[in-house]
Amino acid sequence: MFNNNFWIAASERAIKTFAQALLALIGTDMVGITSLDWPALLAASATATLLSVLSSVGSANFGKNPGPSIADETIEPKTTFIENVK
């Protein structure tokens, strides 16, 4: 958790969460873009971003790699049956 790679990955997740939350909230409002309650939309998106960062910190160092995800960051692809037959 105390390295740059952790915070780069956590920041990427947080930025994605912010954008997804904002787009979801905009998409649920059936009025024009100029009549949206931007402070409320940005506040809700910022809250989702904070939760994303907190979940990254809370799940640090659970996998083999010290990343912000509980799952291992490097997952090897499984071979197919056809490759095994060769």
PDB file of N, CA and C in Angstrom:
ATOM      1  N   MET A   1       0.819  -1.188   0.000  1.00  0.00           N
ATOM      2  CA  MET A   1       0.000   0.000   0.000  1.00  0.00           C
ATOM      3  C   MET A   1       0.868   1.258   0.000  1.00  0.00           C
ATOM      4  N   PHE A   2       2.118   1.125   0.354  1.00  0.00           N
ATOM      5  CA  PHE A   2       2.980   2.292   0.443  1.00  0.00           C
ATOM      6  C   PHE A   2       3.911   2.413  -0.761  1.00  0.00           C
ATOM      7  N   ASN A   3       3.390   2.059  -1.941  1.00  0.00           N
ATOM      8  CA  ASN A   3       4.196   2.245  -3.151  1.00  0.00           C
ATOM      9  C   ASN A   3       3.353   2.942  -4.222  1.00  0.00           C
ATOM     10  N   ASN A   4       4.045   3.448  -5.234  1.00  0.00           N
ATOM     11  CA  ASN A   4       3.370   4.213  -6.283  1.00  0.00           C
ATOM     12  C   ASN A   4       2.408   3.366  -7.099  1.00  0.00           C
ATOM     13  N   ASN A   5       2.755   2.108  -7.363  1.00  0.00           N
ATOM     14  CA  ASN A   5       1.889   1.247  -8.172  1.00  0.00           C
ATOM     15  C   ASN A   5       0.524   1.065  -7.525  1.00  0.00           C
ATOM     16  N   PHE A   6       0.502   0.921  -6.217  1.00  0.00           N
ATOM     17  CA  PHE A   6      -0.767   0.784  -5.503  1.00  0.00           C
ATOM     18  C   PHE A   6      -1.635   2.017  -5.738  1.00  0.00           C
ATOM     19  N   TRP A   7      -1.061   3.195  -5.556  1.00  0.00           N
ATOM     20  CA  TRP A   7      -1.843   4.427  -5.657  1.00  0.00           C
ATOM     21  C   TRP A   7      -2.219   4.756  -7.091  1.00  0.00           C
ATOM     22  N   ILE A   8      -1.396   4.352  -8.046  1.00  0.00           N
ATOM     23  CA  ILE A   8      -1.768   4.543  -9.452  1.00  0.00           C
ATOM     24  C   ILE A   8      -2.986   3.692  -9.784  1.00  0.00           C
ATOM     25  N   ALA A   9      -2.947   2.416  -9.381  1.00  0.00           N
ATOM     26  CA  ALA A   9      -4.082   1.524  -9.640  1.00  0.00           C
ATOM     27  C   ALA A   9      -5.322   1.967  -8.869  1.00  0.00           C
ATOM     28  N   ALA A  10      -5.152   2.394  -7.616  1.00  0.00           N
ATOM     29  CA  ALA A  10      -6.297   2.854  -6.822  1.00  0.00           C
ATOM     30  C   ALA A  10      -6.891   4.133  -7.424  1.00  0.00           C
ATOM     31  N   SER A  11      -6.029   5.018  -7.918  1.00  0.00           N
ATOM     32  CA  SER A  11      -6.514   6.251  -8.550  1.00  0.00           C
ATOM     33  C   SER A  11      -7.287   5.947  -9.824  1.00  0.00           C
ATOM     34  N   GLU A  12      -6.781   4.995 -10.601  1.00  0.00           N
ATOM     35  CA  GLU A  12      -7.488   4.599 -11.825  1.00  0.00           C
ATOM     36  C   GLU A  12      -8.878   4.076 -11.492  1.00  0.00           C
ATOM     37  N   ARG A  13      -8.968   3.238 -10.477  1.00  0.00           N
ATOM     38  CA  ARG A  13     -10.266   2.709 -10.068  1.00  0.00           C
ATOM     39  C   ARG A  13     -11.189   3.827  -9.577  1.00  0.00           C
ATOM     40  N   ALA A  14     -10.630   4.765  -8.819  1.00  0.00           N
ATOM     41  CA  ALA A  14     -11.440   5.857  -8.278  1.00  0.00           C
ATOM     42  C   ALA A  14     -11.958   6.768  -9.389  1.00  0.00           C
ATOM     43  N   ILE A  15     -11.118   7.068 -10.369  1.00  0.00           N
ATOM     44  CA  ILE A  15     -11.547   7.916 -11.489  1.00  0.00           C
ATOM     45  C   ILE A  15     -12.644   7.223 -12.288  1.00  0.00           C
ATOM     46  N   LYS A  16     -12.484   5.929 -12.522  1.00  0.00           N
ATOM     47  CA  LYS A  16     -13.521   5.170 -13.228  1.00  0.00           C
ATOM     48  C   LYS A  16     -14.827   5.179 -12.438  1.00  0.00           C
ATOM     49  N   THR A  17     -14.729   5.014 -11.129  1.00  0.00           N
ATOM     50  CA  THR A  17     -15.919   5.018 -10.278  1.00  0.00           C
ATOM     51  C   THR A  17     -16.622   6.366 -10.338  1.00  0.00           C
ATOM     52  N   PHE A  18     -15.854   7.458 -10.291  1.00  0.00           N
ATOM     53  CA  PHE A  18     -16.438   8.796 -10.376  1.00  0.00           C
ATOM     54  C   PHE A  18     -17.203   8.964 -11.681  1.00  0.00           C
ATOM     55  N   ALA A  19     -16.557   8.598 -12.787  1.00  0.00           N
ATOM     56  CA  ALA A  19     -17.198   8.755 -14.099  1.00  0.00           C
ATOM     57  C   ALA A  19     -18.443   7.880 -14.218  1.00  0.00           C
ATOM     58  N   GLN A  20     -18.364   6.647 -13.747  1.00  0.00           N
ATOM     59  CA  GLN A  20     -19.511   5.743 -13.829  1.00  0.00           C
ATOM     60  C   GLN A  20     -20.671   6.251 -12.989  1.00  0.00           C
ATOM     61  N   ALA A  21     -20.378   6.723 -11.777  1.00  0.00           N
ATOM     62  CA  ALA A  21     -21.444   7.227 -10.906  1.00  0.00           C
ATOM     63  C   ALA A  21     -22.083   8.468 -11.506  1.00  0.00           C
ATOM     64  N   LEU A  22     -21.265   9.373 -12.025  1.00  0.00           N
ATOM     65  CA  LEU A  22     -21.799  10.595 -12.611  1.00  0.00           C
ATOM     66  C   LEU A  22     -22.665  10.291 -13.825  1.00  0.00           C
ATOM     67  N   LEU A  23     -22.187   9.421 -14.690  1.00  0.00           N
ATOM     68  CA  LEU A  23     -22.978   9.063 -15.873  1.00  0.00           C
ATOM     69  C   LEU A  23     -24.271   8.345 -15.500  1.00  0.00           C
ATOM     70  N   ALA A  24     -24.199   7.494 -14.489  1.00  0.00           N
ATOM     71  CA  ALA A  24     -25.414   6.794 -14.055  1.00  0.00           C
ATOM     72  C   ALA A  24     -26.430   7.780 -13.496  1.00  0.00           C
ATOM     73  N   LEU A  25     -25.967   8.747 -12.712  1.00  0.00           N
ATOM     74  CA  LEU A  25     -26.888   9.725 -12.137  1.00  0.00           C
ATOM     75  C   LEU A  25     -27.450  10.661 -13.196  1.00  0.00           C
ATOM     76  N   ILE A  26     -26.632  11.040 -14.167  1.00  0.00           N
ATOM     77  CA  ILE A  26     -27.126  11.885 -15.255  1.00  0.00           C
ATOM     78  C   ILE A  26     -28.149  11.119 -16.085  1.00  0.00           C
ATOM     79  N   GLY A  27     -27.873   9.854 -16.320  1.00  0.00           N
ATOM     80  CA  GLY A  27     -28.761   9.034 -17.136  1.00  0.00           C
ATOM     81  C   GLY A  27     -30.109   8.787 -16.509  1.00  0.00           C
ATOM     82  N   THR A  28     -30.199   8.893 -15.186  1.00  0.00           N
ATOM     83  CA  THR A  28     -31.485   8.641 -14.527  1.00  0.00           C
ATOM     84  C   THR A  28     -32.362   9.879 -14.486  1.00  0.00           C
ATOM     85  N   ASP A  29     -31.805  11.021 -14.793  1.00  0.00           N
ATOM     86  CA  ASP A  29     -32.593  12.253 -14.785  1.00  0.00           C
ATOM     87  C   ASP A  29     -33.171  12.466 -16.182  1.00  0.00           C
ATOM     88  N   MET A  30     -34.467  12.593 -16.285  1.00  0.00           N
ATOM     89  CA  MET A  30     -35.127  12.671 -17.584  1.00  0.00           C
ATOM     90  C   MET A  30     -35.332  14.102 -18.063  1.00  0.00           C
ATOM     91  N   VAL A  31     -34.537  15.033 -17.557  1.00  0.00           N
ATOM     92  CA  VAL A  31     -34.654  16.424 -17.993  1.00  0.00           C
ATOM     93  C   VAL A  31     -33.411  16.812 -18.775  1.00  0.00           C
ATOM     94  N   GLY A  32     -33.371  18.035 -19.236  1.00  0.00           N
ATOM     95  CA  GLY A  32     -32.236  18.500 -20.021  1.00  0.00           C
ATOM     96  C   GLY A  32     -30.965  18.648 -19.190  1.00  0.00           C
ATOM     97  N   ILE A  33     -29.826  18.649 -19.865  1.00  0.00           N
ATOM     98  CA  ILE A  33     -28.525  18.717 -19.201  1.00  0.00           C
ATOM     99  C   ILE A  33     -28.345  20.037 -18.446  1.00  0.00           C
ATOM    100  N   THR A  34     -28.995  21.092 -18.891  1.00  0.00           N
ATOM    101  CA  THR A  34     -28.844  22.390 -18.223  1.00  0.00           C
ATOM    102  C   THR A  34     -29.644  22.489 -16.936  1.00  0.00           C
ATOM    103  N   SER A  35     -30.624  21.640 -16.760  1.00  0.00           N
ATOM    104  CA  SER A  35     -31.442  21.719 -15.554  1.00  0.00           C
ATOM    105  C   SER A  35     -31.063  20.667 -14.508  1.00  0.00           C
ATOM    106  N   LEU A  36     -29.924  20.029 -14.682  1.00  0.00           N
ATOM    107  CA  LEU A  36     -29.473  19.039 -13.699  1.00  0.00           C
ATOM    108  C   LEU A  36     -28.977  19.733 -12.436  1.00  0.00           C
ATOM    109  N   ASP A  37     -29.097  19.050 -11.323  1.00  0.00           N
ATOM    110  CA  ASP A  37     -28.587  19.559 -10.053  1.00  0.00           C
ATOM    111  C   ASP A  37     -27.117  19.141  -9.928  1.00  0.00           C
ATOM    112  N   TRP A  38     -26.234  19.926 -10.567  1.00  0.00           N
ATOM    113  CA  TRP A  38     -24.824  19.559 -10.642  1.00  0.00           C
ATOM    114  C   TRP A  38     -24.156  19.406  -9.282  1.00  0.00           C
ATOM    115  N   PRO A  39     -24.402  20.277  -8.312  1.00  0.00           N
ATOM    116  CA  PRO A  39     -23.764  20.066  -7.010  1.00  0.00           C
ATOM    117  C   PRO A  39     -24.136  18.715  -6.384  1.00  0.00           C
ATOM    118  N   ALA A  40     -25.397  18.327  -6.491  1.00  0.00           N
ATOM    119  CA  ALA A  40     -25.822  17.038  -5.933  1.00  0.00           C
ATOM    120  C   ALA A  40     -25.211  15.875  -6.706  1.00  0.00           C
ATOM    121  N   LEU A  41     -25.162  15.983  -8.042  1.00  0.00           N
ATOM    122  CA  LEU A  41     -24.569  14.926  -8.847  1.00  0.00           C
ATOM    123  C   LEU A  41     -23.082  14.756  -8.543  1.00  0.00           C
ATOM    124  N   LEU A  42     -22.371  15.875  -8.443  1.00  0.00           N
ATOM    125  CA  LEU A  42     -20.934  15.813  -8.152  1.00  0.00           C
ATOM    126  C   LEU A  42     -20.670  15.321  -6.737  1.00  0.00           C
ATOM    127  N   ALA A  43     -21.528  15.685  -5.795  1.00  0.00           N
ATOM    128  CA  ALA A  43     -21.373  15.218  -4.418  1.00  0.00           C
ATOM    129  C   ALA A  43     -21.572  13.711  -4.328  1.00  0.00           C
ATOM    130  N   ALA A  44     -22.578  13.193  -5.007  1.00  0.00           N
ATOM    131  CA  ALA A  44     -22.826  11.744  -4.997  1.00  0.00           C
ATOM    132  C   ALA A  44     -21.669  11.005  -5.674  1.00  0.00           C
ATOM    133  N   SER A  45     -21.157  11.556  -6.760  1.00  0.00           N
ATOM    134  CA  SER A  45     -20.026  10.931  -7.454  1.00  0.00           C
ATOM    135  C   SER A  45     -18.764  10.980  -6.608  1.00  0.00           C
ATOM    136  N   ALA A  46     -18.560  12.086  -5.904  1.00  0.00           N
ATOM    137  CA  ALA A  46     -17.401  12.196  -5.017  1.00  0.00           C
ATOM    138  C   ALA A  46     -17.495  11.195  -3.866  1.00  0.00           C
ATOM    139  N   THR A  47     -18.701  10.978  -3.364  1.00  0.00           N
ATOM    140  CA  THR A  47     -18.892   9.980  -2.310  1.00  0.00           C
ATOM    141  C   THR A  47     -18.549   8.584  -2.817  1.00  0.00           C
ATOM    142  N   ALA A  48     -18.982   8.256  -4.026  1.00  0.00           N
ATOM    143  CA  ALA A  48     -18.652   6.959  -4.614  1.00  0.00           C
ATOM    144  C   ALA A  48     -17.143   6.829  -4.811  1.00  0.00           C
ATOM    145  N   THR A  49     -16.486   7.929  -5.192  1.00  0.00           N
ATOM    146  CA  THR A  49     -15.036   7.920  -5.368  1.00  0.00           C
ATOM    147  C   THR A  49     -14.331   7.674  -4.043  1.00  0.00           C
ATOM    148  N   LEU A  50     -14.775   8.318  -2.988  1.00  0.00           N
ATOM    149  CA  LEU A  50     -14.199   8.099  -1.666  1.00  0.00           C
ATOM    150  C   LEU A  50     -14.369   6.647  -1.232  1.00  0.00           C
ATOM    151  N   LEU A  51     -15.543   6.085  -1.479  1.00  0.00           N
ATOM    152  CA  LEU A  51     -15.768   4.679  -1.136  1.00  0.00           C
ATOM    153  C   LEU A  51     -14.855   3.758  -1.942  1.00  0.00           C
ATOM    154  N   SER A  52     -14.587   4.115  -3.195  1.00  0.00           N
ATOM    155  CA  SER A  52     -13.674   3.330  -4.018  1.00  0.00           C
ATOM    156  C   SER A  52     -12.266   3.337  -3.425  1.00  0.00           C
ATOM    157  N   VAL A  53     -11.791   4.519  -3.022  1.00  0.00           N
ATOM    158  CA  VAL A  53     -10.447   4.623  -2.429  1.00  0.00           C
ATOM    159  C   VAL A  53     -10.395   3.857  -1.110  1.00  0.00           C
ATOM    160  N   LEU A  54     -11.415   3.995  -0.288  1.00  0.00           N
ATOM    161  CA  LEU A  54     -11.445   3.281   0.990  1.00  0.00           C
ATOM    162  C   LEU A  54     -11.476   1.768   0.783  1.00  0.00           C
ATOM    163  N   SER A  55     -12.199   1.300  -0.226  1.00  0.00           N
ATOM    164  CA  SER A  55     -12.228  -0.138  -0.476  1.00  0.00           C
ATOM    165  C   SER A  55     -10.888  -0.619  -1.022  1.00  0.00           C
ATOM    166  N   SER A  56     -10.182   0.220  -1.776  1.00  0.00           N
ATOM    167  CA  SER A  56      -8.841  -0.139  -2.235  1.00  0.00           C
ATOM    168  C   SER A  56      -7.880  -0.257  -1.057  1.00  0.00           C
ATOM    169  N   VAL A  57      -7.949   0.699  -0.135  1.00  0.00           N
ATOM    170  CA  VAL A  57      -7.088   0.656   1.050  1.00  0.00           C
ATOM    171  C   VAL A  57      -7.454  -0.549   1.916  1.00  0.00           C
ATOM    172  N   GLY A  58      -8.737  -0.816   2.056  1.00  0.00           N
ATOM    173  CA  GLY A  58      -9.179  -1.940   2.883  1.00  0.00           C
ATOM    174  C   GLY A  58      -8.841  -3.299   2.313  1.00  0.00           C
ATOM    175  N   SER A  59      -8.675  -3.383   1.005  1.00  0.00           N
ATOM    176  CA  SER A  59      -8.365  -4.681   0.398  1.00  0.00           C
ATOM    177  C   SER A  59      -6.898  -4.799   0.001  1.00  0.00           C
ATOM    178  N   ALA A  60      -6.067  -3.879   0.438  1.00  0.00           N
ATOM    179  CA  ALA A  60      -4.644  -3.908   0.096  1.00  0.00           C
ATOM    180  C   ALA A  60      -3.962  -5.125   0.712  1.00  0.00           C
ATOM    181  N   ASN A  61      -3.048  -5.676  -0.041  1.00  0.00           N
ATOM    182  CA  ASN A  61      -2.172  -6.754   0.415  1.00  0.00           C
ATOM    183  C   ASN A  61      -2.882  -8.069   0.730  1.00  0.00           C
ATOM    184  N   PHE A  62      -4.027  -8.324   0.106  1.00  0.00           N
ATOM    185  CA  PHE A  62      -4.689  -9.600   0.300  1.00  0.00           C
ATOM    186  C   PHE A  62      -4.278 -10.623  -0.751  1.00  0.00           C
ATOM    187  N   GLY A  63      -3.907 -10.178  -1.924  1.00  0.00           N
ATOM    188  CA  GLY A  63      -3.484 -11.082  -2.989  1.00  0.00           C
ATOM    189  C   GLY A  63      -1.980 -11.285  -2.968  1.00  0.00           C
ATOM    190  N   LYS A  64      -1.475 -11.956  -3.996  1.00  0.00           N
ATOM    191  CA  LYS A  64      -0.038 -12.171  -4.100  1.00  0.00           C
ATOM    192  C   LYS A  64       0.702 -10.866  -4.362  1.00  0.00           C
ATOM    193  N   ASN A  65       0.085  -9.982  -5.132  1.00  0.00           N
ATOM    194  CA  ASN A  65       0.695  -8.698  -5.450  1.00  0.00           C
ATOM    195  C   ASN A  65       0.141  -7.625  -4.523  1.00  0.00           C
ATOM    196  N   PRO A  66       0.964  -6.657  -4.147  1.00  0.00           N
ATOM    197  CA  PRO A  66       0.511  -5.620  -3.217  1.00  0.00           C
ATOM    198  C   PRO A  66      -0.310  -4.537  -3.907  1.00  0.00           C
ATOM    199  N   GLY A  67      -1.427  -4.912  -4.497  1.00  0.00           N
ATOM    200  CA  GLY A  67      -2.274  -3.961  -5.211  1.00  0.00           C
ATOM    201  C   GLY A  67      -3.535  -3.649  -4.437  1.00  0.00           C
ATOM    202  N   PRO A  68      -4.375  -2.773  -4.999  1.00  0.00           N
ATOM    203  CA  PRO A  68      -5.603  -2.362  -4.316  1.00  0.00           C
ATOM    204  C   PRO A  68      -6.777  -3.298  -4.546  1.00  0.00           C
ATOM    205  N   SER A  69      -6.512  -4.503  -4.985  1.00  0.00           N
ATOM    206  CA  SER A  69      -7.581  -5.447  -5.272  1.00  0.00           C
ATOM    207  C   SER A  69      -7.389  -6.710  -4.454  1.00  0.00           C
ATOM    208  N   ILE A  70      -8.479  -7.299  -4.030  1.00  0.00           N
ATOM    209  CA  ILE A  70      -8.386  -8.556  -3.286  1.00  0.00           C
ATOM    210  C   ILE A  70      -7.893  -9.665  -4.206  1.00  0.00           C
ATOM    211  N   ALA A  71      -8.342  -9.644  -5.453  1.00  0.00           N
ATOM    212  CA  ALA A  71      -7.903 -10.648  -6.418  1.00  0.00           C
ATOM    213  C   ALA A  71      -6.463 -10.367  -6.828  1.00  0.00           C
ATOM    214  N   ASP A  72      -5.773 -11.404  -7.241  1.00  0.00           N
ATOM    215  CA  ASP A  72      -4.412 -11.232  -7.724  1.00  0.00           C
ATOM    216  C   ASP A  72      -4.428 -10.417  -8.998  1.00  0.00           C
ATOM    217  N   GLU A  73      -3.487  -9.494  -9.118  1.00  0.00           N
ATOM    218  CA  GLU A  73      -3.429  -8.612 -10.274  1.00  0.00           C
ATOM    219  C   GLU A  73      -2.984  -9.353 -11.528  1.00  0.00           C
ATOM    220  N   THR A  74      -2.129 -10.330 -11.376  1.00  0.00           N
ATOM    221  CA  THR A  74      -1.637 -11.053 -12.540  1.00  0.00           C
ATOM    222  C   THR A  74      -2.247 -12.444 -12.548  1.00  0.00           C
ATOM    223  N   ILE A  75      -3.204 -12.632 -13.394  1.00  0.00           N
ATOM    224  CA  ILE A  75      -3.873 -13.922 -13.513  1.00  0.00           C
ATOM    225  C   ILE A  75      -3.468 -14.519 -14.846  1.00  0.00           C
ATOM    226  N   GLU A  76      -2.888 -15.680 -14.785  1.00  0.00           N
ATOM    227  CA  GLU A  76      -2.444 -16.347 -15.997  1.00  0.00           C
ATOM    228  C   GLU A  76      -3.657 -16.897 -16.751  1.00  0.00           C
ATOM    229  N   PRO A  77      -3.675 -16.741 -18.084  1.00  0.00           N
ATOM    230  CA  PRO A  77      -4.791 -17.294 -18.848  1.00  0.00           C
ATOM    231  C   PRO A  77      -4.756 -18.821 -18.810  1.00  0.00           C
ATOM    232  N   LYS A  78      -5.919 -19.404 -18.760  1.00  0.00           N
ATOM    233  CA  LYS A  78      -6.013 -20.862 -18.754  1.00  0.00           C
ATOM    234  C   LYS A  78      -5.834 -21.379 -20.169  1.00  0.00           C
ATOM    235  N   THR A  79      -5.214 -22.529 -20.271  1.00  0.00           N
ATOM    236  CA  THR A  79      -5.058 -23.130 -21.594  1.00  0.00           C
ATOM    237  C   THR A  79      -6.348 -23.826 -21.975  1.00  0.00           C
ATOM    238  N   THR A  80      -6.593 -23.902 -23.250  1.00  0.00           N
ATOM    239  CA  THR A  80      -7.801 -24.564 -23.722  1.00  0.00           C
ATOM    240  C   THR A  80      -7.544 -26.051 -23.878  1.00  0.00           C
ATOM    241  N   PHE A  81      -8.591 -26.779 -24.044  1.00  0.00           N
ATOM    242  CA  PHE A  81      -8.481 -28.224 -24.219  1.00  0.00           C
ATOM    243  C   PHE A  81      -7.674 -28.565 -25.467  1.00  0.00           C
ATOM    244  N   ILE A  82      -7.861 -27.828 -26.526  1.00  0.00           N
ATOM    245  CA  ILE A  82      -7.167 -28.107 -27.787  1.00  0.00           C
ATOM    246  C   ILE A  82      -5.666 -27.934 -27.624  1.00  0.00           C
ATOM    247  N   GLU A  83      -5.228 -26.932 -26.883  1.00  0.00           N
ATOM    248  CA  GLU A  83      -3.811 -26.736 -26.648  1.00  0.00           C
ATOM    249  C   GLU A  83      -3.224 -27.893 -25.859  1.00  0.00           C
ATOM    250  N   ASN A  84      -3.992 -28.472 -24.943  1.00  0.00           N
ATOM    251  CA  ASN A  84      -3.515 -29.578 -24.133  1.00  0.00           C
ATOM    252  C   ASN A  84      -3.422 -30.878 -24.930  1.00  0.00           C
ATOM    253  N   VAL A  85      -4.173 -30.992 -26.019  1.00  0.00           N
ATOM    254  CA  VAL A  85      -4.183 -32.224 -26.793  1.00  0.00           C
ATOM    255  C   VAL A  85      -2.902 -32.366 -27.621  1.00  0.00           C
ATOM    256  N   LYS A  86      -2.325 -31.259 -28.033  1.00  0.00           N
ATOM    257  CA  LYS A  86      -1.127 -31.281 -28.879  1.00  0.00           C
ATOM    258  C   LYS A  86      -0.073 -32.085 -28.275  1.00  0.00           C
TER     259      LYS A  86
END
